[in-house]
Protein backbone atom coordinates (compact mmCIF):
# COMPACT_ATOMS: atom_id res chain seq x y z
CA MET A 1 -10.90 43.88 -17.27
CA ASN A 2 -7.12 43.39 -16.57
CA ARG A 3 -5.58 39.96 -17.31
CA LEU A 4 -5.04 38.95 -13.63
CA LEU A 5 -8.66 39.68 -12.83
CA LEU A 6 -9.77 37.71 -15.83
CA SER A 7 -7.64 34.75 -14.71
CA LEU A 8 -9.16 34.89 -11.32
CA VAL A 9 -12.69 35.01 -12.73
CA CYS A 10 -11.97 32.12 -15.02
CA LEU A 11 -10.55 30.05 -12.15
CA SER A 12 -13.60 30.82 -10.00
CA VAL A 13 -15.67 29.43 -12.75
CA LEU A 14 -13.57 26.44 -13.58
CA CYS A 15 -12.61 25.17 -10.21
CA PRO A 16 -16.16 23.97 -9.29
CA ILE A 17 -16.36 22.36 -12.74
CA TRP A 18 -12.91 20.68 -12.33
CA ALA A 19 -13.93 19.48 -8.75
CA ALA A 20 -17.21 17.97 -10.03
CA GLU A 21 -15.34 16.10 -12.76
CA GLU A 22 -12.73 14.77 -10.38
CA ASP A 23 -15.40 13.57 -8.00
CA GLU A 24 -17.16 11.65 -10.81
CA ARG A 25 -13.86 10.08 -11.99
CA ALA A 26 -12.88 9.14 -8.47
CA GLU A 27 -16.28 7.54 -7.95
CA LEU A 28 -15.89 5.56 -11.19
CA ALA A 29 -12.39 4.51 -10.05
CA TRP A 30 -13.97 3.40 -6.67
CA GLN A 31 -16.49 1.25 -8.57
CA MET A 32 -13.96 -0.30 -10.90
CA ALA A 33 -11.67 -1.15 -8.03
CA TRP A 34 -14.45 -3.02 -6.15
CA SER A 35 -15.96 -4.71 -9.11
CA ARG A 36 -12.81 -5.71 -10.91
CA PHE A 37 -9.76 -5.94 -8.57
CA TYR A 38 -11.62 -7.28 -5.54
CA CYS A 39 -12.58 -10.99 -5.09
CA PRO A 40 -15.35 -11.45 -2.71
CA SER A 41 -14.44 -15.06 -1.93
CA THR A 42 -11.18 -13.95 -0.37
CA CYS A 43 -11.97 -10.44 0.45
CA MET A 44 -8.75 -9.29 -1.20
CA PHE A 45 -7.64 -6.93 -4.06
CA TYR A 46 -5.31 -8.41 -6.66
CA ASP A 47 -2.51 -6.91 -8.65
CA TYR A 48 -3.64 -6.54 -12.34
CA LEU A 49 -6.40 -7.47 -14.75
CA SER A 50 -5.70 -9.78 -17.64
CA SER A 51 -9.23 -9.14 -19.20
CA TYR A 52 -11.97 -6.65 -19.20
CA GLU A 53 -14.53 -9.25 -19.82
CA PRO A 54 -16.85 -9.61 -16.89
CA GLY A 55 -15.93 -12.72 -14.83
CA PHE A 56 -12.54 -13.18 -16.48
CA GLU A 57 -10.70 -10.08 -15.07
CA LEU A 58 -8.59 -12.24 -12.69
CA ALA A 59 -8.53 -15.57 -14.71
CA HIS A 60 -4.67 -15.50 -14.71
CA LEU A 61 -4.33 -15.99 -11.03
CA PRO A 62 -2.52 -19.18 -9.75
CA VAL A 63 -4.46 -22.31 -9.08
CA PRO A 64 -3.89 -24.42 -6.04
CA ASP A 65 -1.64 -26.97 -7.59
CA GLU A 66 0.68 -24.23 -8.66
CA VAL A 67 0.88 -22.70 -5.33
CA HIS A 68 1.36 -25.98 -3.52
CA ARG A 69 4.42 -26.42 -5.80
CA GLN A 70 5.41 -22.78 -4.99
CA TYR A 71 5.44 -22.15 -8.77
CA PRO A 72 6.65 -20.01 -10.28
CA ASN A 73 8.45 -18.68 -7.01
CA PRO A 74 7.70 -18.62 -3.25
CA CYS A 75 6.76 -15.04 -3.40
CA GLY A 76 4.20 -15.31 -6.22
CA TYR A 77 6.01 -12.74 -8.07
CA GLY A 78 4.67 -11.84 -11.45
CA THR A 79 1.40 -13.91 -10.96
CA GLY A 80 -1.00 -11.24 -9.87
CA MET A 81 -1.26 -12.16 -6.23
CA GLU A 82 2.01 -10.87 -4.94
CA ASP A 83 0.63 -7.61 -3.26
CA CYS A 84 -2.65 -8.37 -1.88
CA MET A 85 -1.87 -7.44 1.71
CA ILE A 86 -0.19 -4.23 0.39
CA LEU A 87 -3.32 -3.34 -1.45
CA GLY A 88 -5.54 -4.45 1.35
CA GLY A 89 -3.69 -2.14 3.88
CA THR A 90 -3.93 0.80 1.54
CA MET A 91 -7.42 0.28 0.71
CA LEU A 92 -8.35 0.00 4.38
CA GLU A 93 -6.84 3.31 5.32
CA THR A 94 -8.53 4.80 2.30
CA VAL A 95 -11.92 3.80 3.43
CA VAL A 96 -11.15 5.26 6.78
CA ASP A 97 -10.21 8.54 5.17
CA ARG A 98 -13.47 8.45 2.84
CA TYR A 99 -15.46 7.96 6.11
CA ARG A 100 -13.72 10.97 7.70
CA VAL A 101 -14.90 13.01 4.96
CA THR A 102 -18.37 11.75 4.25
CA ALA A 103 -19.46 10.16 7.59
CA ASP A 104 -21.11 7.56 5.36
CA THR A 105 -21.80 4.72 7.63
CA ALA A 106 -22.41 2.20 4.75
CA LEU A 107 -18.65 2.25 4.28
CA HIS A 108 -18.53 -0.09 7.21
CA ALA A 109 -19.36 -3.14 5.07
CA GLN A 110 -16.45 -2.37 2.82
CA ALA A 111 -14.00 -1.86 5.65
CA SER A 112 -15.27 -4.87 7.41
CA ALA A 113 -14.62 -7.03 4.19
CA ILE A 114 -11.15 -5.81 3.83
CA LEU A 115 -10.48 -6.59 7.46
CA GLN A 116 -11.72 -10.05 6.82
CA GLY A 117 -9.29 -10.54 4.00
CA ILE A 118 -6.33 -9.25 6.12
CA THR A 119 -7.49 -11.78 8.77
CA TYR A 120 -7.56 -14.66 6.38
CA ALA A 121 -4.02 -13.87 5.31
CA SER A 122 -2.79 -13.28 8.91
CA SER A 123 -4.26 -16.36 10.67
CA ILE A 124 -2.24 -19.22 9.28
CA ARG A 125 -2.18 -21.85 11.94
CA GLU A 126 1.18 -23.33 11.07
CA ALA A 127 2.93 -19.84 11.01
CA PRO A 128 1.52 -17.57 13.87
CA GLY A 129 1.90 -14.02 12.98
CA PHE A 130 2.82 -14.55 9.42
CA VAL A 131 1.14 -12.33 6.81
CA ALA A 132 0.60 -14.22 3.64
CA ARG A 133 0.68 -11.94 0.53
CA GLY A 134 -2.65 -13.27 -0.79
CA ILE A 135 -4.88 -16.19 -0.94
CA VAL A 136 -5.80 -18.31 -4.01
CA PRO A 137 -9.51 -17.53 -4.83
CA SER A 138 -10.26 -21.02 -6.35
CA ASP A 139 -9.79 -22.83 -2.99
CA GLY A 140 -9.60 -19.86 -0.42
CA THR A 141 -6.56 -21.40 1.35
CA SER A 142 -3.51 -21.70 -0.71
CA TYR A 143 -0.65 -19.20 -0.29
CA TYR A 144 2.87 -18.46 -1.16
CA ILE A 145 5.34 -19.08 1.83
CA ASN A 146 7.45 -15.89 1.32
CA SER A 147 5.99 -12.68 2.61
CA SER A 148 7.95 -9.37 2.99
CA ARG A 149 8.33 -6.40 5.39
CA ASP A 150 6.56 -4.30 2.76
CA GLN A 151 3.30 -6.63 3.24
CA TYR A 152 3.54 -5.93 6.98
CA THR A 153 3.98 -2.21 6.60
CA HIS A 154 0.86 -1.63 4.69
CA VAL A 155 -1.24 -4.16 6.72
CA VAL A 156 -0.11 -2.73 10.06
CA TYR A 157 -0.81 0.86 9.03
CA GLY A 158 -4.19 -0.06 7.59
CA LEU A 159 -5.19 -1.95 10.74
CA TRP A 160 -4.00 0.79 13.02
CA LYS A 161 -5.99 3.45 11.07
CA TYR A 162 -9.04 1.25 11.26
CA LEU A 163 -8.50 0.62 15.04
CA HIS A 164 -8.83 4.36 15.72
CA SER A 165 -11.65 4.99 13.32
CA PRO A 166 -15.28 5.26 14.64
CA LEU A 167 -16.26 3.19 11.57
CA SER A 168 -14.77 0.05 13.36
CA ASN A 169 -16.97 -1.82 15.97
CA ALA A 170 -15.84 -3.36 19.29
CA ALA A 171 -15.60 -6.86 17.77
CA GLU A 172 -13.34 -5.69 14.95
CA ARG A 173 -11.14 -3.68 17.40
CA GLU A 174 -10.56 -6.73 19.19
CA THR A 175 -9.64 -8.74 16.05
CA ILE A 176 -7.17 -5.88 15.24
CA ARG A 177 -5.58 -6.12 18.68
CA THR A 178 -5.17 -9.82 18.31
CA LEU A 179 -3.62 -9.52 14.62
CA LEU A 180 -1.19 -6.84 15.62
CA ALA A 181 -0.02 -8.65 18.76
CA GLY A 182 0.34 -11.71 16.69
CA MET A 183 2.49 -9.88 14.10
CA ALA A 184 4.60 -8.26 16.85
CA ASP A 185 5.06 -11.68 18.67
CA ARG A 186 6.40 -13.19 15.45
CA MET A 187 8.91 -10.35 15.26
CA LEU A 188 9.92 -10.83 18.87
CA LYS A 189 10.45 -14.55 18.44
CA ASN A 190 12.20 -14.52 15.15
CA VAL A 191 13.88 -11.18 14.44
CA THR A 192 17.07 -12.09 16.28
CA PRO A 193 20.79 -12.02 15.39
CA GLU A 194 20.76 -15.83 14.96
CA ASN A 195 18.13 -15.51 12.30
CA GLU A 196 19.88 -12.29 10.85
CA TYR A 197 16.87 -10.36 12.00
CA ASP A 198 14.63 -12.22 9.66
CA PHE A 199 11.00 -12.93 10.52
CA LEU A 200 11.15 -16.10 8.37
CA ARG A 201 9.04 -17.51 5.75
CA ALA A 202 5.98 -19.60 6.62
CA ASP A 203 8.06 -22.80 6.46
CA GLY A 204 10.45 -21.44 9.10
CA ARG A 205 13.31 -20.70 6.87
CA ARG A 206 15.10 -17.45 6.26
CA CYS A 207 14.19 -15.58 3.17
CA PRO A 208 16.97 -15.65 0.51
CA LEU A 209 16.05 -12.36 -1.00
CA GLY A 210 16.42 -10.27 2.23
CA ILE A 211 12.86 -8.80 1.97
CA CYS A 212 11.95 -10.41 5.43
CA ARG A 213 14.85 -8.80 7.32
CA MET A 214 13.61 -6.26 9.87
CA TRP A 215 16.98 -4.91 11.22
CA ASN A 216 20.41 -4.19 9.75
CA VAL A 217 18.53 -3.05 6.61
CA LYS A 218 18.62 0.03 4.32
CA PRO A 219 17.73 3.44 5.74
CA HIS A 220 14.35 3.51 4.14
CA GLU A 221 13.49 0.24 5.94
CA ALA A 222 14.91 1.01 9.34
CA ALA A 223 11.64 2.34 10.86
CA ARG A 224 9.43 -0.71 9.93
CA LEU A 225 10.40 -2.90 13.03
CA PRO A 226 9.65 -0.22 15.68
CA MET A 227 6.54 0.72 13.77
CA ILE A 228 5.07 -2.76 14.14
CA TYR A 229 5.99 -2.81 17.91
CA ALA A 230 4.48 0.61 18.37
CA ALA A 231 1.23 -0.36 16.70
CA ALA A 232 0.90 -3.51 18.96
CA TRP A 233 1.71 -1.41 21.96
CA ASP A 234 -0.90 1.19 21.01
CA ALA A 235 -3.40 -1.41 20.39
CA THR A 236 -2.97 -3.57 23.45
CA GLY A 237 -1.18 -1.40 26.05
CA ASP A 238 1.32 -4.25 26.59
CA SER A 239 4.54 -2.82 27.80
CA CYS A 240 6.72 -5.61 26.23
CA TYR A 241 5.86 -3.96 22.76
CA TYR A 242 6.70 -0.52 24.20
CA ARG A 243 10.07 -1.69 25.32
CA ALA A 244 10.66 -3.44 21.90
CA CYS A 245 9.78 -0.33 20.19
CA HIS A 246 12.04 1.88 22.03
CA ARG A 247 14.87 -0.68 21.80
CA TYR A 248 15.16 0.20 18.08
CA LEU A 249 13.46 3.64 17.63
CA SER A 250 16.18 6.22 18.21
CA ASP A 251 18.59 4.27 16.05
CA ALA A 252 15.82 3.72 13.43
CA ILE A 253 15.14 7.51 13.14
CA GLN A 254 18.78 8.24 12.91
CA GLN A 255 19.24 5.74 10.07
CA SER A 256 16.22 7.02 8.18
CA PHE A 257 17.85 10.41 7.72
CA ALA A 258 20.36 8.73 5.53
CA MET A 259 17.68 7.77 2.94
CA SER A 260 18.71 8.13 -0.68
CA SER A 261 17.25 11.00 -2.76
CA ASP A 262 16.36 8.59 -5.46
CA GLU A 263 14.37 5.86 -3.76
CA PRO A 264 11.74 3.94 -5.64
CA VAL A 265 8.25 5.48 -5.33
CA TYR A 266 6.78 2.47 -3.50
CA VAL A 267 9.26 2.95 -0.79
CA LEU A 268 8.22 6.52 -0.11
CA VAL A 269 4.70 5.28 0.90
CA GLN A 270 6.15 2.73 3.23
CA MET A 271 8.23 5.47 4.91
CA VAL A 272 5.34 7.79 5.39
CA TYR A 273 3.29 5.08 6.85
CA SER A 274 5.99 4.07 9.33
CA PHE A 275 6.89 7.73 10.16
CA ASP A 276 3.19 8.74 10.61
CA LEU A 277 2.27 5.90 12.77
CA LEU A 278 5.35 6.36 14.99
CA ARG A 279 4.89 10.08 15.31
CA SER A 280 1.35 9.54 16.40
CA VAL A 281 2.21 6.84 19.06
CA VAL A 282 5.39 8.02 20.65
CA ALA A 283 5.15 10.47 23.51
CA GLU A 284 8.72 11.90 23.21
CA ARG A 285 8.46 15.40 21.71
CA GLU A 286 11.91 15.32 20.20
CA MET A 287 11.29 12.14 18.45
CA GLN A 288 7.96 13.53 17.16
CA LEU A 289 9.81 16.57 15.67
CA ARG A 290 12.40 14.37 14.03
CA LEU A 291 9.68 12.14 12.46
CA SER A 292 7.96 15.17 11.29
CA GLU A 293 11.17 16.28 9.54
CA LEU A 294 11.48 12.84 7.95
CA LEU A 295 7.84 13.26 6.67
CA ASP A 296 8.58 16.56 5.15
CA ARG A 297 11.66 15.09 3.31
CA VAL A 298 9.75 12.16 1.94
CA GLY A 299 6.97 14.50 0.82
CA GLU A 300 9.39 16.66 -1.19
CA MET A 301 10.76 13.41 -2.82
CA GLY A 302 7.15 12.37 -3.64
CA LEU A 303 6.57 15.68 -5.28
CA ALA A 304 9.68 15.32 -7.44
CA CYS A 305 8.64 11.73 -8.32
CA ALA A 306 5.13 12.79 -9.24
CA ARG A 307 6.36 15.32 -11.67
CA ARG A 308 8.68 12.68 -13.47
CA VAL A 309 5.96 10.03 -13.57
CA MET A 310 3.30 12.43 -15.05
CA ALA A 311 5.74 13.14 -17.99
CA ASP A 312 5.93 9.37 -18.56
CA LEU A 313 2.13 8.96 -18.21
CA ARG A 314 1.52 11.74 -20.73
CA SER A 315 3.85 10.07 -23.22
CA PHE A 316 1.60 6.84 -23.30
CA THR A 317 -1.18 6.44 -25.82
CA ALA A 318 -4.88 5.63 -24.78
CA ALA A 319 -4.20 1.99 -26.11
CA GLN A 320 -1.07 1.64 -24.00
CA LEU A 321 -2.84 2.91 -20.87
CA ALA A 322 -5.63 0.28 -21.59
CA MET A 323 -3.30 -2.71 -21.98
CA THR A 324 -4.27 -5.64 -19.85
CA GLY A 325 -1.69 -7.79 -18.16
CA PRO A 326 -0.40 -11.11 -19.42
CA ASP A 327 -1.15 -14.79 -18.46
CA TRP A 328 2.10 -15.07 -16.75
CA ARG A 329 2.44 -18.65 -17.76
CA THR A 330 2.94 -17.72 -21.33
CA VAL A 331 5.60 -15.06 -20.74
CA LYS A 332 8.78 -15.69 -22.79
CA VAL A 333 11.36 -14.06 -20.71
CA TRP A 334 12.01 -15.10 -17.05
CA ASP A 335 14.51 -13.75 -14.53
CA ASN A 336 16.30 -15.81 -11.81
CA GLN A 337 16.56 -13.97 -8.52
CA GLN A 338 18.27 -16.24 -5.88
CA GLY A 339 16.60 -19.13 -7.31
CA TYR A 340 13.16 -17.48 -7.69
CA LEU A 341 11.94 -17.61 -11.23
CA ILE A 342 10.09 -14.38 -12.06
CA PRO A 343 8.12 -13.86 -15.44
CA ARG A 344 8.70 -10.58 -17.08
CA TRP A 345 5.75 -8.73 -18.25
CA GLY A 346 7.52 -6.75 -20.92
CA PHE A 347 6.31 -3.16 -21.79
CA TYR A 348 3.11 -3.71 -19.78
CA ARG A 349 5.27 -3.59 -16.58
CA THR A 350 6.27 0.01 -17.44
CA VAL A 351 2.67 1.09 -17.86
CA TRP A 352 1.51 -0.72 -14.69
CA ASP A 353 4.27 0.87 -12.73
CA ARG A 354 3.76 4.38 -13.80
CA VAL A 355 0.11 4.23 -13.24
CA ARG A 356 0.77 2.91 -9.74
CA GLU A 357 3.65 5.26 -8.97
CA MET A 358 1.49 8.30 -9.78
CA GLY A 359 -1.02 7.40 -7.09
CA GLU A 360 1.89 6.52 -4.78
CA ALA A 361 3.72 9.77 -5.21
CA THR A 362 0.73 12.10 -4.80
CA LEU A 363 -0.37 10.10 -1.64
CA VAL A 364 2.96 10.77 -0.20
CA VAL A 365 2.70 14.62 -1.04
CA PHE A 366 -0.60 14.84 0.82
CA MET A 367 0.45 12.74 3.78
CA ALA A 368 3.38 14.97 4.39
CA ASN A 369 0.48 17.80 4.86
CA ARG A 370 2.68 20.78 3.87
CA SER A 371 0.57 23.54 2.24
CA GLU A 372 3.42 24.67 -0.02
CA MET A 373 3.43 21.22 -1.68
CA ALA A 374 -0.16 20.44 -1.63
CA ALA A 375 -1.22 23.01 -4.38
CA GLU A 376 1.13 21.32 -6.97
CA GLY A 377 0.12 17.88 -5.64
CA ARG A 378 -3.61 18.68 -6.20
CA ASP A 379 -2.76 19.79 -9.80
CA LEU A 380 -0.89 16.61 -10.51
CA LEU A 381 -3.79 14.56 -9.07
CA HIS A 382 -6.29 16.53 -11.23
CA GLN A 383 -4.12 15.68 -14.38
CA THR A 384 -4.03 12.08 -13.29
CA LEU A 385 -7.77 11.77 -12.93
CA SER A 386 -8.29 13.52 -16.19
CA LEU A 387 -5.89 11.40 -18.02
CA MET A 388 -7.18 8.00 -16.82
CA ASP A 389 -10.09 6.03 -18.31
CA TYR A 390 -10.91 3.89 -15.32
CA THR A 391 -13.13 1.58 -17.33
CA ARG A 392 -9.89 0.58 -19.22
CA LEU A 393 -7.29 0.56 -16.59
CA SER A 394 -5.83 -2.69 -15.51
CA SER A 395 -3.16 -1.70 -12.95
CA CYS A 396 -3.82 -1.85 -9.27
CA GLY A 397 -2.43 1.62 -9.17
CA ILE A 398 -6.01 2.47 -9.14
CA VAL A 399 -6.06 1.72 -5.40
CA TYR A 400 -3.46 4.46 -4.98
CA HIS A 401 -5.15 7.03 -7.01
CA LEU A 402 -8.24 6.48 -4.58
CA ALA A 403 -5.97 6.74 -1.63
CA ALA A 404 -4.30 9.95 -2.76
CA TYR A 405 -7.80 11.42 -3.67
CA TRP A 406 -9.18 10.81 -0.25
CA GLU A 407 -6.14 11.73 1.73
CA GLU A 408 -6.22 15.16 -0.02
CA LYS A 409 -9.93 15.41 0.90
CA VAL A 410 -8.98 14.78 4.54
CA GLN A 411 -6.30 17.32 4.50
CA ASN A 412 -8.66 19.94 3.01
CA LYS A 413 -11.52 19.16 5.31
């Protein structure tokens, strides 16, 4: 038997074994995400675990008094509840993808729970259309007043995907229409030259960090504002959102082409979310083609990032990969960013980042949906799933591993 034929035979035998192993690991990751990172009282996923002891995984989260004082900072940076809506939006679209592959109607309960969490964070009476980053589990109401365009990007994409999924019911689709319209209305009201295109914090003040600015931003952020208007228009049919979208869309696409070749990995996910939604909603063929070109470019960047991140992941020991996050209150070193005091996590932050970035980068590769990149993306995902012990993983990157896994399944269906 020649060497090529032997290799093909070996692959034909090993591929089913690898696939079965991946399925088992992905299912374990799914169970860990829901049992450890998800809080039933708020219906939200949180950023990291500070313990593997049952019942104490999220013991580090802020308490109401701290949040009422906006301590340690108005974004909740470093506390473990700064990205609940980012995670919720991604997990919601992941449930939709899993349903597309499996047709398992039992997934409705999980999708409905995530939608409830997004609704909690997006229905703050004193700040219509504001999307809080997360809610404190111990009282179910307290939140930090500074959101970001990133929170909106993930939430809007997740809601839009669920809106168009047969897994959602009529009442939920009406809830989504209301939420998307409320977010778009906040943009229409606040994103003006007078406010420097800032959608404002919950207290009505401009964000000093610039993360709530929706226009006159960097190229990788330019498509976010028309994306929000496009989602509201698609959901409601209201022409005011159509006009708002097209007021910015052409310029946003042009600006997006100036994206840097070394953008942070999390930025790539937000670009593919905004480009994918816009390409699906806008009718103009020329704009669809240009958005497809942008998706291709981001996919290539995601593959390059995945290669780099995998090298870092392989350099970590099992003990380092199993590290838990700190109680942020006891951290010794803090940064001061425009008056926002942010606790540093030390080396744990590097591990937390790389675990998350691996999922983000491979998700981007699969969403670009180009066959010439998919094979290497699948290999990198296989390596990731093989490398991780999901029973000893404290980074919310687990959500992105699941998102990449089910996105790949959708593309291969």
